[in-house]
Amino acid sequence: MIIADRMRKNPITATPDMSISEASSKMKAEKIHRMPVLDEDKHLVGVISEKDILLAAPSPASTLSAYEINYLLSRLKVKNIMSRNPLTITKDTTIEEAVKLMAENDLSCLPVMEGGYLVGIVSKSNLLKILLEMLGDKYPGIRVEALVEDKVGVVSSLSDQFATAGINIISLGTLEGPSPNLRVLTFKLGNATEEQVRKIMEPVSKSLDIRTV
């Protein structure tokens, strides 16, 4: 899966000279938490987030009046507090690459560029929704987590047994186990009972968690 399939196209943007109060109002109105910042030539120069604005605002313990606080925020510009030179990706970047970039750099979003211009944005919430989809969250069924030997044929054998039993695999994933020779398998299964799944999984599982969700 690539970013072009899941990015938010034509994202809402800010300008460097936009006031912080205006940027905050715009984010609230659009129900977003961050905005790419474009200069007059439509080139990406930064990203501003709600967190940036909160950090720039006077402390709640301040003796300033609400009027004074709003006045200060109206004088402060986006360019004064935005994150400059943000990391970016392209439409052909894979979801895995985007997640890795975000995790390694503690980012909340990645602007998507094409030919030097902004064409989209992807955020942590976008990626979490993709994760839920990959886990089959929208569909009721049986959730299985099993610790199995990391060897060829385990998943294939289980898939064959599920098919024979008329059980549908809604989602399938693998994770590292506690040692190099073990893997954690996760399944979301439809048209199944916990008893059916336990009968198939127990012979190959060193530990097993089965629940109806």
N, C-alpha and C. Protein backbone atom coordinates (compact mmCIF):
# COMPACT_ATOMS: atom_id res chain seq x y z
N MET A 1 0.84 -1.19 0.00
CA MET A 1 0.00 0.00 0.00
C MET A 1 0.88 1.24 0.00
N ILE A 2 0.56 2.21 -0.84
CA ILE A 2 1.34 3.43 -0.89
C ILE A 2 0.53 4.62 -0.38
N ILE A 3 1.25 5.68 -0.04
CA ILE A 3 0.65 6.85 0.59
C ILE A 3 -0.43 7.49 -0.28
N ALA A 4 -0.25 7.46 -1.60
CA ALA A 4 -1.23 8.08 -2.50
C ALA A 4 -2.64 7.53 -2.28
N ASP A 5 -2.73 6.28 -1.82
CA ASP A 5 -4.04 5.65 -1.61
C ASP A 5 -4.73 6.13 -0.34
N ARG A 6 -3.97 6.66 0.61
CA ARG A 6 -4.55 6.97 1.91
C ARG A 6 -4.29 8.38 2.42
N MET A 7 -3.52 9.17 1.70
CA MET A 7 -3.21 10.52 2.18
C MET A 7 -4.44 11.42 2.10
N ARG A 8 -4.42 12.49 2.88
CA ARG A 8 -5.45 13.53 2.75
C ARG A 8 -5.01 14.47 1.64
N LYS A 9 -5.78 14.52 0.55
CA LYS A 9 -5.40 15.34 -0.60
C LYS A 9 -5.80 16.80 -0.36
N ASN A 10 -5.03 17.68 -1.01
CA ASN A 10 -5.31 19.13 -0.93
C ASN A 10 -5.55 19.58 0.52
N PRO A 11 -4.57 19.36 1.39
CA PRO A 11 -4.77 19.69 2.81
C PRO A 11 -4.95 21.18 3.05
N ILE A 12 -5.60 21.49 4.16
CA ILE A 12 -5.74 22.87 4.60
C ILE A 12 -4.35 23.38 4.98
N THR A 13 -4.01 24.60 4.57
CA THR A 13 -2.67 25.13 4.82
C THR A 13 -2.71 26.49 5.50
N ALA A 14 -1.55 26.88 6.01
CA ALA A 14 -1.37 28.20 6.60
C ALA A 14 -0.29 28.94 5.81
N THR A 15 -0.15 30.23 6.07
CA THR A 15 0.93 31.02 5.48
C THR A 15 1.86 31.48 6.59
N PRO A 16 3.09 31.79 6.28
CA PRO A 16 4.05 32.21 7.32
C PRO A 16 3.59 33.44 8.10
N ASP A 17 2.90 34.37 7.43
CA ASP A 17 2.50 35.62 8.09
C ASP A 17 1.11 35.56 8.72
N MET A 18 0.49 34.40 8.69
CA MET A 18 -0.81 34.24 9.35
C MET A 18 -0.60 34.34 10.87
N SER A 19 -1.51 35.00 11.56
CA SER A 19 -1.39 35.11 13.01
C SER A 19 -1.69 33.76 13.66
N ILE A 20 -1.14 33.59 14.85
CA ILE A 20 -1.36 32.34 15.59
C ILE A 20 -2.84 32.17 15.92
N SER A 21 -3.50 33.25 16.28
CA SER A 21 -4.93 33.15 16.61
C SER A 21 -5.74 32.72 15.39
N GLU A 22 -5.37 33.24 14.21
CA GLU A 22 -6.08 32.86 12.98
C GLU A 22 -5.80 31.39 12.65
N ALA A 23 -4.55 30.96 12.80
CA ALA A 23 -4.20 29.57 12.53
C ALA A 23 -4.96 28.63 13.47
N SER A 24 -5.05 29.03 14.74
CA SER A 24 -5.77 28.21 15.72
C SER A 24 -7.25 28.11 15.37
N SER A 25 -7.84 29.23 15.00
CA SER A 25 -9.26 29.24 14.62
C SER A 25 -9.51 28.38 13.38
N LYS A 26 -8.58 28.42 12.45
CA LYS A 26 -8.72 27.66 11.22
C LYS A 26 -8.66 26.16 11.51
N MET A 27 -7.75 25.75 12.40
CA MET A 27 -7.65 24.33 12.75
C MET A 27 -8.91 23.85 13.46
N LYS A 28 -9.43 24.68 14.34
CA LYS A 28 -10.65 24.30 15.05
C LYS A 28 -11.84 24.18 14.09
N ALA A 29 -11.94 25.13 13.17
CA ALA A 29 -13.05 25.12 12.21
C ALA A 29 -12.98 23.91 11.29
N GLU A 30 -11.77 23.52 10.89
CA GLU A 30 -11.59 22.41 9.96
C GLU A 30 -11.44 21.07 10.68
N LYS A 31 -11.39 21.11 12.03
CA LYS A 31 -11.23 19.91 12.87
C LYS A 31 -9.96 19.15 12.50
N ILE A 32 -8.87 19.90 12.42
CA ILE A 32 -7.56 19.31 12.16
C ILE A 32 -6.60 19.74 13.27
N HIS A 33 -5.47 19.08 13.37
CA HIS A 33 -4.53 19.34 14.46
C HIS A 33 -3.19 19.89 14.00
N ARG A 34 -3.02 20.01 12.69
CA ARG A 34 -1.75 20.52 12.16
C ARG A 34 -1.97 21.02 10.73
N MET A 35 -1.15 21.95 10.29
CA MET A 35 -1.27 22.47 8.93
C MET A 35 0.12 22.67 8.32
N PRO A 36 0.31 22.25 7.06
CA PRO A 36 1.52 22.63 6.34
C PRO A 36 1.51 24.14 6.12
N VAL A 37 2.68 24.73 6.08
CA VAL A 37 2.80 26.17 5.87
C VAL A 37 3.44 26.41 4.50
N LEU A 38 2.74 27.17 3.65
CA LEU A 38 3.21 27.44 2.29
C LEU A 38 3.51 28.93 2.13
N ASP A 39 4.63 29.23 1.43
CA ASP A 39 4.94 30.63 1.17
C ASP A 39 4.13 31.13 -0.03
N GLU A 40 4.39 32.35 -0.47
CA GLU A 40 3.59 32.94 -1.54
C GLU A 40 3.76 32.23 -2.88
N ASP A 41 4.85 31.46 -3.02
CA ASP A 41 5.07 30.68 -4.24
C ASP A 41 4.55 29.24 -4.12
N LYS A 42 3.81 28.97 -3.05
CA LYS A 42 3.23 27.66 -2.78
C LYS A 42 4.30 26.61 -2.46
N HIS A 43 5.46 27.06 -1.98
CA HIS A 43 6.50 26.13 -1.56
C HIS A 43 6.34 25.82 -0.07
N LEU A 44 6.56 24.58 0.30
CA LEU A 44 6.44 24.18 1.71
C LEU A 44 7.61 24.75 2.51
N VAL A 45 7.29 25.49 3.56
CA VAL A 45 8.35 26.07 4.40
C VAL A 45 8.28 25.61 5.85
N GLY A 46 7.21 24.90 6.20
CA GLY A 46 7.10 24.43 7.58
C GLY A 46 5.80 23.73 7.85
N VAL A 47 5.62 23.35 9.11
CA VAL A 47 4.37 22.74 9.60
C VAL A 47 4.08 23.36 10.96
N ILE A 48 2.82 23.70 11.18
CA ILE A 48 2.41 24.21 12.49
C ILE A 48 1.35 23.29 13.07
N SER A 49 1.42 23.04 14.37
CA SER A 49 0.48 22.14 15.03
C SER A 49 -0.17 22.82 16.22
N GLU A 50 -1.23 22.20 16.71
CA GLU A 50 -1.89 22.69 17.93
C GLU A 50 -0.90 22.74 19.08
N LYS A 51 0.00 21.75 19.14
CA LYS A 51 0.99 21.70 20.22
C LYS A 51 1.91 22.92 20.16
N ASP A 52 2.32 23.31 18.94
CA ASP A 52 3.16 24.50 18.79
C ASP A 52 2.45 25.73 19.35
N ILE A 53 1.16 25.84 19.05
CA ILE A 53 0.39 27.01 19.50
C ILE A 53 0.23 27.00 21.01
N LEU A 54 -0.04 25.83 21.58
CA LEU A 54 -0.18 25.72 23.04
C LEU A 54 1.11 26.11 23.75
N LEU A 55 2.25 25.68 23.19
CA LEU A 55 3.54 26.00 23.80
C LEU A 55 3.87 27.48 23.69
N ALA A 56 3.34 28.12 22.64
CA ALA A 56 3.61 29.55 22.44
C ALA A 56 2.70 30.44 23.26
N ALA A 57 1.55 29.90 23.66
CA ALA A 57 0.57 30.70 24.41
C ALA A 57 1.07 30.95 25.84
N PRO A 58 0.66 32.05 26.45
CA PRO A 58 1.03 32.32 27.84
C PRO A 58 0.53 31.22 28.76
N SER A 59 1.22 31.00 29.85
CA SER A 59 0.84 29.98 30.82
C SER A 59 -0.54 30.29 31.40
N PRO A 60 -1.32 29.23 31.74
CA PRO A 60 -2.63 29.45 32.38
C PRO A 60 -2.51 30.22 33.69
N ALA A 61 -1.30 30.19 34.28
CA ALA A 61 -1.09 30.91 35.53
C ALA A 61 -0.78 32.39 35.31
N SER A 62 -0.72 32.79 34.05
CA SER A 62 -0.41 34.18 33.73
C SER A 62 -1.46 35.12 34.30
N THR A 63 -1.01 36.34 34.65
CA THR A 63 -1.95 37.35 35.16
C THR A 63 -2.54 38.18 34.03
N LEU A 64 -2.16 37.84 32.79
CA LEU A 64 -2.71 38.57 31.65
C LEU A 64 -4.20 38.29 31.50
N SER A 65 -4.92 39.28 31.04
CA SER A 65 -6.35 39.10 30.79
C SER A 65 -6.55 38.35 29.48
N ALA A 66 -7.76 37.85 29.27
CA ALA A 66 -8.07 37.14 28.02
C ALA A 66 -7.85 38.06 26.83
N TYR A 67 -8.19 39.33 27.01
CA TYR A 67 -8.00 40.30 25.92
C TYR A 67 -6.51 40.43 25.59
N GLU A 68 -5.68 40.51 26.62
CA GLU A 68 -4.24 40.67 26.41
C GLU A 68 -3.63 39.43 25.76
N ILE A 69 -4.11 38.25 26.19
CA ILE A 69 -3.61 37.00 25.61
C ILE A 69 -3.97 36.93 24.13
N ASN A 70 -5.23 37.25 23.81
CA ASN A 70 -5.66 37.23 22.40
C ASN A 70 -4.89 38.25 21.57
N TYR A 71 -4.59 39.38 22.18
CA TYR A 71 -3.83 40.40 21.46
C TYR A 71 -2.42 39.89 21.15
N LEU A 72 -1.78 39.26 22.12
CA LEU A 72 -0.43 38.74 21.92
C LEU A 72 -0.42 37.67 20.83
N LEU A 73 -1.41 36.78 20.87
CA LEU A 73 -1.48 35.71 19.88
C LEU A 73 -1.76 36.27 18.48
N SER A 74 -2.49 37.37 18.42
CA SER A 74 -2.77 37.97 17.11
C SER A 74 -1.53 38.62 16.53
N ARG A 75 -0.60 39.01 17.39
CA ARG A 75 0.64 39.63 16.93
C ARG A 75 1.71 38.60 16.57
N LEU A 76 1.62 37.43 17.16
CA LEU A 76 2.59 36.37 16.90
C LEU A 76 2.24 35.67 15.59
N LYS A 77 3.22 35.43 14.76
CA LYS A 77 2.99 34.86 13.43
C LYS A 77 3.35 33.37 13.39
N VAL A 78 2.74 32.70 12.42
CA VAL A 78 3.01 31.28 12.22
C VAL A 78 4.51 31.04 12.02
N LYS A 79 5.17 31.91 11.27
CA LYS A 79 6.59 31.71 10.97
C LYS A 79 7.46 31.75 12.23
N ASN A 80 6.93 32.36 13.31
CA ASN A 80 7.71 32.46 14.54
C ASN A 80 7.77 31.15 15.32
N ILE A 81 6.79 30.28 15.11
CA ILE A 81 6.75 29.07 15.95
C ILE A 81 6.66 27.77 15.15
N MET A 82 6.50 27.85 13.83
CA MET A 82 6.34 26.63 13.03
C MET A 82 7.62 25.80 13.05
N SER A 83 7.47 24.51 12.76
CA SER A 83 8.62 23.62 12.58
C SER A 83 9.10 23.80 11.14
N ARG A 84 10.36 24.20 10.99
CA ARG A 84 10.89 24.47 9.65
C ARG A 84 11.52 23.23 9.03
N ASN A 85 11.62 23.26 7.71
CA ASN A 85 12.27 22.17 6.95
C ASN A 85 11.75 20.79 7.38
N PRO A 86 10.45 20.59 7.35
CA PRO A 86 9.90 19.29 7.80
C PRO A 86 10.31 18.15 6.87
N LEU A 87 10.39 16.96 7.45
CA LEU A 87 10.60 15.78 6.62
C LEU A 87 9.37 15.58 5.75
N THR A 88 9.58 15.15 4.53
CA THR A 88 8.46 14.94 3.61
C THR A 88 8.58 13.58 2.94
N ILE A 89 7.50 13.16 2.30
CA ILE A 89 7.47 11.92 1.54
C ILE A 89 6.81 12.20 0.19
N THR A 90 6.80 11.18 -0.67
CA THR A 90 6.15 11.31 -1.97
C THR A 90 4.92 10.41 -2.01
N LYS A 91 4.14 10.54 -3.05
CA LYS A 91 2.93 9.72 -3.20
C LYS A 91 3.26 8.24 -3.31
N ASP A 92 4.50 7.92 -3.77
CA ASP A 92 4.89 6.52 -3.94
C ASP A 92 5.52 5.91 -2.70
N THR A 93 5.67 6.69 -1.65
CA THR A 93 6.20 6.15 -0.39
C THR A 93 5.25 5.09 0.15
N THR A 94 5.79 3.98 0.63
CA THR A 94 4.93 2.94 1.19
C THR A 94 4.48 3.32 2.59
N ILE A 95 3.40 2.72 3.01
CA ILE A 95 2.90 2.95 4.37
C ILE A 95 3.97 2.57 5.40
N GLU A 96 4.68 1.47 5.15
CA GLU A 96 5.71 1.03 6.09
C GLU A 96 6.81 2.08 6.24
N GLU A 97 7.23 2.65 5.11
CA GLU A 97 8.27 3.69 5.16
C GLU A 97 7.79 4.91 5.93
N ALA A 98 6.54 5.30 5.72
CA ALA A 98 5.98 6.46 6.41
C ALA A 98 5.93 6.22 7.92
N VAL A 99 5.47 5.04 8.31
CA VAL A 99 5.40 4.70 9.74
C VAL A 99 6.79 4.73 10.35
N LYS A 100 7.77 4.17 9.65
CA LYS A 100 9.15 4.14 10.17
C LYS A 100 9.69 5.55 10.36
N LEU A 101 9.46 6.42 9.37
CA LEU A 101 9.91 7.81 9.47
C LEU A 101 9.28 8.52 10.67
N MET A 102 7.98 8.32 10.84
CA MET A 102 7.29 8.96 11.95
C MET A 102 7.81 8.45 13.30
N ALA A 103 7.98 7.14 13.40
CA ALA A 103 8.42 6.53 14.66
C ALA A 103 9.85 6.95 15.01
N GLU A 104 10.73 6.92 14.02
CA GLU A 104 12.14 7.23 14.27
C GLU A 104 12.38 8.70 14.57
N ASN A 105 11.51 9.56 14.06
CA ASN A 105 11.70 11.01 14.23
C ASN A 105 10.64 11.66 15.11
N ASP A 106 9.79 10.84 15.73
CA ASP A 106 8.74 11.32 16.64
C ASP A 106 7.91 12.42 15.98
N LEU A 107 7.36 12.10 14.80
CA LEU A 107 6.58 13.06 14.03
C LEU A 107 5.09 12.75 14.14
N SER A 108 4.27 13.78 14.03
CA SER A 108 2.82 13.57 14.06
C SER A 108 2.22 13.60 12.66
N CYS A 109 3.01 14.06 11.67
CA CYS A 109 2.51 14.09 10.30
C CYS A 109 3.66 14.14 9.32
N LEU A 110 3.36 13.86 8.07
CA LEU A 110 4.33 13.96 6.98
C LEU A 110 3.65 14.61 5.77
N PRO A 111 4.13 15.76 5.33
CA PRO A 111 3.61 16.35 4.10
C PRO A 111 3.99 15.47 2.91
N VAL A 112 3.12 15.41 1.92
CA VAL A 112 3.36 14.59 0.72
C VAL A 112 3.62 15.54 -0.44
N MET A 113 4.77 15.35 -1.10
CA MET A 113 5.20 16.27 -2.15
C MET A 113 5.25 15.59 -3.52
N GLU A 114 5.03 16.41 -4.54
CA GLU A 114 5.18 15.94 -5.92
C GLU A 114 5.67 17.12 -6.76
N GLY A 115 6.82 16.95 -7.40
CA GLY A 115 7.37 18.02 -8.21
C GLY A 115 7.65 19.29 -7.44
N GLY A 116 8.00 19.16 -6.17
CA GLY A 116 8.31 20.33 -5.35
C GLY A 116 7.10 21.01 -4.74
N TYR A 117 5.91 20.48 -4.95
CA TYR A 117 4.70 21.09 -4.42
C TYR A 117 3.92 20.12 -3.53
N LEU A 118 3.21 20.69 -2.57
CA LEU A 118 2.41 19.91 -1.63
C LEU A 118 1.18 19.34 -2.32
N VAL A 119 0.97 18.04 -2.19
CA VAL A 119 -0.22 17.41 -2.78
C VAL A 119 -1.06 16.66 -1.75
N GLY A 120 -0.53 16.54 -0.53
CA GLY A 120 -1.28 15.81 0.49
C GLY A 120 -0.56 15.81 1.82
N ILE A 121 -1.17 15.16 2.78
CA ILE A 121 -0.56 15.02 4.10
C ILE A 121 -1.05 13.71 4.71
N VAL A 122 -0.20 13.08 5.49
CA VAL A 122 -0.59 11.87 6.21
C VAL A 122 -0.22 12.07 7.68
N SER A 123 -1.11 11.70 8.57
CA SER A 123 -0.90 11.91 10.00
C SER A 123 -0.91 10.58 10.74
N LYS A 124 -0.56 10.64 12.01
CA LYS A 124 -0.59 9.43 12.84
C LYS A 124 -1.99 8.83 12.88
N SER A 125 -3.00 9.69 12.92
CA SER A 125 -4.37 9.17 12.98
C SER A 125 -4.72 8.42 11.71
N ASN A 126 -4.23 8.89 10.54
CA ASN A 126 -4.43 8.16 9.28
C ASN A 126 -3.85 6.76 9.38
N LEU A 127 -2.63 6.68 9.90
CA LEU A 127 -1.92 5.40 9.97
C LEU A 127 -2.57 4.47 10.99
N LEU A 128 -3.09 5.02 12.08
CA LEU A 128 -3.78 4.18 13.07
C LEU A 128 -5.07 3.60 12.48
N LYS A 129 -5.75 4.39 11.65
CA LYS A 129 -6.96 3.89 10.99
C LYS A 129 -6.62 2.75 10.03
N ILE A 130 -5.47 2.88 9.35
CA ILE A 130 -5.02 1.81 8.45
C ILE A 130 -4.71 0.55 9.25
N LEU A 131 -4.05 0.72 10.40
CA LEU A 131 -3.74 -0.42 11.26
C LEU A 131 -5.01 -1.14 11.71
N LEU A 132 -6.02 -0.36 12.12
CA LEU A 132 -7.29 -0.96 12.53
C LEU A 132 -7.94 -1.73 11.38
N GLU A 133 -7.85 -1.16 10.19
CA GLU A 133 -8.42 -1.81 9.01
C GLU A 133 -7.68 -3.12 8.73
N MET A 134 -6.35 -3.09 8.83
CA MET A 134 -5.56 -4.29 8.58
C MET A 134 -5.85 -5.39 9.61
N LEU A 135 -6.25 -4.96 10.81
CA LEU A 135 -6.59 -5.93 11.87
C LEU A 135 -8.04 -6.39 11.78
N GLY A 136 -8.77 -5.87 10.79
CA GLY A 136 -10.16 -6.30 10.61
C GLY A 136 -11.09 -5.77 11.67
N ASP A 137 -10.80 -4.59 12.20
CA ASP A 137 -11.55 -4.05 13.33
C ASP A 137 -13.04 -3.87 13.03
N LYS A 138 -13.40 -3.59 11.78
CA LYS A 138 -14.80 -3.30 11.45
C LYS A 138 -15.69 -4.54 11.46
N TYR A 139 -15.08 -5.72 11.45
CA TYR A 139 -15.85 -6.95 11.30
C TYR A 139 -15.87 -7.77 12.58
N PRO A 140 -17.04 -8.23 13.00
CA PRO A 140 -17.09 -9.10 14.18
C PRO A 140 -16.49 -10.46 13.85
N GLY A 141 -15.98 -11.12 14.86
CA GLY A 141 -15.41 -12.44 14.62
C GLY A 141 -14.61 -12.93 15.81
N ILE A 142 -13.69 -13.83 15.53
CA ILE A 142 -12.83 -14.43 16.55
C ILE A 142 -11.42 -13.86 16.38
N ARG A 143 -10.89 -13.29 17.46
CA ARG A 143 -9.51 -12.79 17.43
C ARG A 143 -8.59 -13.84 18.05
N VAL A 144 -7.51 -14.15 17.34
CA VAL A 144 -6.58 -15.19 17.79
C VAL A 144 -5.17 -14.63 17.85
N GLU A 145 -4.48 -14.90 18.93
CA GLU A 145 -3.05 -14.59 19.03
C GLU A 145 -2.34 -15.86 19.50
N ALA A 146 -1.40 -16.33 18.70
CA ALA A 146 -0.75 -17.60 19.01
C ALA A 146 0.76 -17.50 18.86
N LEU A 147 1.49 -18.10 19.77
CA LEU A 147 2.94 -18.20 19.68
C LEU A 147 3.28 -19.54 19.05
N VAL A 148 3.96 -19.49 17.89
CA VAL A 148 4.25 -20.72 17.15
C VAL A 148 5.71 -20.74 16.72
N GLU A 149 6.17 -21.93 16.31
CA GLU A 149 7.53 -22.05 15.79
C GLU A 149 7.65 -21.31 14.47
N ASP A 150 8.79 -20.65 14.28
CA ASP A 150 9.03 -19.91 13.05
C ASP A 150 9.61 -20.86 12.01
N LYS A 151 8.72 -21.52 11.29
CA LYS A 151 9.17 -22.47 10.27
C LYS A 151 8.22 -22.44 9.08
N VAL A 152 8.75 -22.85 7.95
CA VAL A 152 7.97 -22.83 6.71
C VAL A 152 6.77 -23.76 6.82
N GLY A 153 5.62 -23.28 6.38
CA GLY A 153 4.44 -24.13 6.28
C GLY A 153 3.43 -23.99 7.38
N VAL A 154 3.79 -23.30 8.48
CA VAL A 154 2.86 -23.19 9.61
C VAL A 154 1.60 -22.42 9.20
N VAL A 155 1.79 -21.25 8.61
CA VAL A 155 0.65 -20.42 8.22
C VAL A 155 -0.16 -21.10 7.12
N SER A 156 0.56 -21.71 6.17
CA SER A 156 -0.12 -22.40 5.06
C SER A 156 -1.00 -23.53 5.57
N SER A 157 -0.45 -24.30 6.52
CA SER A 157 -1.21 -25.43 7.09
C SER A 157 -2.46 -24.94 7.83
N LEU A 158 -2.29 -23.88 8.62
CA LEU A 158 -3.43 -23.33 9.35
C LEU A 158 -4.49 -22.78 8.38
N SER A 159 -4.04 -22.10 7.32
CA SER A 159 -4.98 -21.56 6.34
C SER A 159 -5.79 -22.66 5.68
N ASP A 160 -5.12 -23.77 5.35
CA ASP A 160 -5.81 -24.91 4.75
C ASP A 160 -6.87 -25.47 5.69
N GLN A 161 -6.52 -25.57 6.98
CA GLN A 161 -7.47 -26.11 7.95
C GLN A 161 -8.66 -25.17 8.15
N PHE A 162 -8.38 -23.88 8.16
CA PHE A 162 -9.48 -22.91 8.26
C PHE A 162 -10.42 -23.04 7.06
N ALA A 163 -9.84 -23.14 5.88
CA ALA A 163 -10.64 -23.25 4.66
C ALA A 163 -11.50 -24.51 4.69
N THR A 164 -10.90 -25.62 5.11
CA THR A 164 -11.63 -26.89 5.18
C THR A 164 -12.82 -26.79 6.15
N ALA A 165 -12.61 -26.02 7.24
CA ALA A 165 -13.67 -25.86 8.24
C ALA A 165 -14.66 -24.77 7.87
N GLY A 166 -14.47 -24.13 6.71
CA GLY A 166 -15.37 -23.06 6.29
C GLY A 166 -15.18 -21.77 7.05
N ILE A 167 -13.96 -21.58 7.59
CA ILE A 167 -13.65 -20.38 8.38
C ILE A 167 -12.97 -19.34 7.49
N ASN A 168 -13.46 -18.12 7.53
CA ASN A 168 -12.92 -17.05 6.70
C ASN A 168 -11.84 -16.28 7.46
N ILE A 169 -10.67 -16.06 6.82
CA ILE A 169 -9.61 -15.26 7.41
C ILE A 169 -9.85 -13.79 7.04
N ILE A 170 -10.25 -13.00 8.01
CA ILE A 170 -10.50 -11.58 7.78
C ILE A 170 -9.19 -10.81 7.75
N SER A 171 -8.28 -11.14 8.67
CA SER A 171 -6.97 -10.50 8.68
C SER A 171 -5.94 -11.48 9.24
N LEU A 172 -4.69 -11.23 8.87
CA LEU A 172 -3.59 -12.08 9.31
C LEU A 172 -2.34 -11.23 9.46
N GLY A 173 -1.64 -11.41 10.57
CA GLY A 173 -0.39 -10.69 10.79
C GLY A 173 0.59 -11.53 11.56
N THR A 174 1.88 -11.19 11.45
CA THR A 174 2.90 -11.87 12.23
C THR A 174 3.78 -10.84 12.92
N LEU A 175 4.24 -11.19 14.11
CA LEU A 175 5.11 -10.32 14.90
C LEU A 175 6.28 -11.13 15.43
N GLU A 176 7.34 -10.45 15.82
CA GLU A 176 8.48 -11.13 16.42
C GLU A 176 8.07 -11.79 17.72
N GLY A 177 8.60 -12.98 17.97
CA GLY A 177 8.34 -13.67 19.21
C GLY A 177 9.43 -13.38 20.24
N PRO A 178 9.37 -14.02 21.39
CA PRO A 178 10.35 -13.78 22.45
C PRO A 178 11.74 -14.32 22.13
N SER A 179 11.85 -15.17 21.11
CA SER A 179 13.16 -15.70 20.69
C SER A 179 13.16 -15.84 19.17
N PRO A 180 14.34 -15.93 18.55
CA PRO A 180 14.43 -15.95 17.08
C PRO A 180 13.66 -17.08 16.41
N ASN A 181 13.44 -18.18 17.12
CA ASN A 181 12.77 -19.33 16.51
C ASN A 181 11.25 -19.34 16.74
N LEU A 182 10.74 -18.23 17.28
CA LEU A 182 9.30 -18.15 17.56
C LEU A 182 8.69 -16.90 16.92
N ARG A 183 7.45 -17.04 16.47
CA ARG A 183 6.70 -15.91 15.92
C ARG A 183 5.33 -15.84 16.60
N VAL A 184 4.80 -14.63 16.65
CA VAL A 184 3.43 -14.43 17.14
C VAL A 184 2.54 -14.26 15.92
N LEU A 185 1.54 -15.13 15.80
CA LEU A 185 0.56 -15.02 14.72
C LEU A 185 -0.71 -14.38 15.27
N THR A 186 -1.28 -13.46 14.50
CA THR A 186 -2.57 -12.89 14.88
C THR A 186 -3.55 -13.10 13.73
N PHE A 187 -4.72 -13.60 14.05
CA PHE A 187 -5.78 -13.82 13.06
C PHE A 187 -7.05 -13.12 13.52
N LYS A 188 -7.81 -12.63 12.56
CA LYS A 188 -9.21 -12.26 12.80
C LYS A 188 -10.01 -13.18 11.89
N LEU A 189 -10.89 -13.98 12.48
CA LEU A 189 -11.59 -15.03 11.74
C LEU A 189 -13.10 -14.83 11.77
N GLY A 190 -13.74 -15.10 10.65
CA GLY A 190 -15.19 -15.03 10.57
C GLY A 190 -15.78 -16.42 10.37
N ASN A 191 -17.07 -16.55 10.62
CA ASN A 191 -17.78 -17.83 10.45
C ASN A 191 -17.14 -18.93 11.29
N ALA A 192 -16.78 -18.60 12.53
CA ALA A 192 -16.09 -19.59 13.38
C ALA A 192 -16.56 -19.46 14.82
N THR A 193 -16.36 -20.54 15.55
CA THR A 193 -16.59 -20.53 16.99
C THR A 193 -15.23 -20.66 17.68
N GLU A 194 -15.18 -20.24 18.93
CA GLU A 194 -13.92 -20.37 19.68
C GLU A 194 -13.50 -21.84 19.77
N GLU A 195 -14.46 -22.74 19.92
CA GLU A 195 -14.15 -24.17 20.02
C GLU A 195 -13.48 -24.67 18.74
N GLN A 196 -14.03 -24.28 17.58
CA GLN A 196 -13.43 -24.70 16.30
C GLN A 196 -11.99 -24.20 16.17
N VAL A 197 -11.80 -22.94 16.49
CA VAL A 197 -10.48 -22.34 16.34
C VAL A 197 -9.48 -22.96 17.30
N ARG A 198 -9.90 -23.21 18.53
CA ARG A 198 -9.00 -23.81 19.52
C ARG A 198 -8.55 -25.20 19.06
N LYS A 199 -9.47 -25.95 18.49
CA LYS A 199 -9.14 -27.30 18.03
C LYS A 199 -8.06 -27.27 16.94
N ILE A 200 -8.10 -26.25 16.07
CA ILE A 200 -7.12 -26.14 14.99
C ILE A 200 -5.80 -25.56 15.49
N MET A 201 -5.87 -24.58 16.39
CA MET A 201 -4.68 -23.85 16.80
C MET A 201 -3.87 -24.52 17.91
N GLU A 202 -4.51 -25.20 18.82
CA GLU A 202 -3.79 -25.74 19.98
C GLU A 202 -2.63 -26.67 19.63
N PRO A 203 -2.76 -27.54 18.61
CA PRO A 203 -1.64 -28.45 18.31
C PRO A 203 -0.34 -27.75 17.90
N VAL A 204 -0.41 -26.53 17.38
CA VAL A 204 0.81 -25.85 16.91
C VAL A 204 1.19 -24.65 17.78
N SER A 205 0.41 -24.37 18.81
CA SER A 205 0.63 -23.15 19.59
C SER A 205 1.29 -23.44 20.93
N LYS A 206 2.29 -22.64 21.26
CA LYS A 206 2.94 -22.74 22.56
C LYS A 206 2.20 -21.91 23.60
N SER A 207 1.50 -20.88 23.16
CA SER A 207 0.57 -20.13 23.98
C SER A 207 -0.52 -19.63 23.05
N LEU A 208 -1.71 -19.44 23.61
CA LEU A 208 -2.85 -19.15 22.75
C LEU A 208 -3.84 -18.25 23.45
N ASP A 209 -4.30 -17.21 22.77
CA ASP A 209 -5.34 -16.33 23.28
C ASP A 209 -6.43 -16.25 22.22
N ILE A 210 -7.64 -16.66 22.59
CA ILE A 210 -8.78 -16.65 21.66
C ILE A 210 -9.92 -15.91 22.32
N ARG A 211 -10.48 -14.96 21.60
CA ARG A 211 -11.62 -14.23 22.16
C ARG A 211 -12.56 -13.77 21.05
N THR A 212 -13.84 -13.70 21.37
CA THR A 212 -14.84 -13.19 20.42
C THR A 212 -14.90 -11.68 20.55
N VAL A 213 -14.79 -10.99 19.41
CA VAL A 213 -14.80 -9.52 19.44
C VAL A 213 -15.83 -8.98 18.44
